[in-house]
Amino acid sequence: MQSLVENYETKKKSALNFMQNGQLNAYFEALVEMNNYKKLLFAVCAN
């Protein structure tokens, strides 16, 4: 569980950096990965 939270926060920070640098393709990929981690977190919490 803790590793999922850490991975989510890491992707969140990298997404913000990509957005600020104008790297839209990398930004959207980071958002997709954040969404995947969020789904996993909800699944773990639900069980």
Protein backbone atom coordinates (compact mmCIF):
# COMPACT_ATOMS: atom_id res chain seq x y z
CA MET A 1 0.00 0.00 0.00
CA GLN A 2 2.75 2.43 0.94
CA SER A 3 4.61 1.77 -2.31
CA LEU A 4 1.46 2.56 -4.30
CA VAL A 5 1.13 5.89 -2.52
CA GLU A 6 4.80 6.70 -3.12
CA ASN A 7 4.53 5.80 -6.80
CA TYR A 8 1.40 7.92 -7.15
CA GLU A 9 3.07 10.94 -5.53
CA THR A 10 6.17 10.50 -7.70
CA LYS A 11 4.08 10.45 -10.86
CA LYS A 12 2.15 13.47 -9.63
CA LYS A 13 5.35 15.47 -9.18
CA SER A 14 6.71 14.40 -12.55
CA ALA A 15 3.40 15.30 -14.22
CA LEU A 16 3.59 18.79 -12.75
CA ASN A 17 7.16 19.16 -13.98
CA PHE A 18 6.20 17.99 -17.47
CA MET A 19 3.29 20.44 -17.54
CA GLN A 20 5.50 23.35 -16.48
CA ASN A 21 8.09 22.46 -19.12
CA GLY A 22 5.45 22.20 -21.84
CA GLN A 23 6.03 18.51 -22.52
CA LEU A 24 2.41 17.65 -23.17
CA ASN A 25 2.85 14.09 -24.40
CA ALA A 26 4.88 13.09 -21.33
CA TYR A 27 2.40 14.99 -19.14
CA PHE A 28 -0.56 13.00 -20.46
CA GLU A 29 1.32 9.72 -20.06
CA ALA A 30 2.08 10.61 -16.44
CA LEU A 31 -1.60 11.40 -15.87
CA VAL A 32 -2.59 7.99 -17.24
CA GLU A 33 -0.12 6.31 -14.89
CA MET A 34 -1.45 8.38 -11.97
CA ASN A 35 -4.95 7.19 -12.84
CA ASN A 36 -3.80 3.56 -12.84
CA TYR A 37 -2.19 3.94 -9.42
CA LYS A 38 -5.33 5.65 -8.08
CA LYS A 39 -7.47 2.73 -9.30
CA LEU A 40 -5.12 0.28 -7.59
CA LEU A 41 -5.27 2.29 -4.36
CA PHE A 42 -9.07 2.24 -4.36
CA ALA A 43 -9.06 -1.49 -5.06
CA VAL A 44 -6.69 -2.15 -2.15
CA CYS A 45 -8.73 0.04 0.18
CA ALA A 46 -11.98 -1.64 -0.83
CA ASN A 47 -10.70 -5.11 0.04
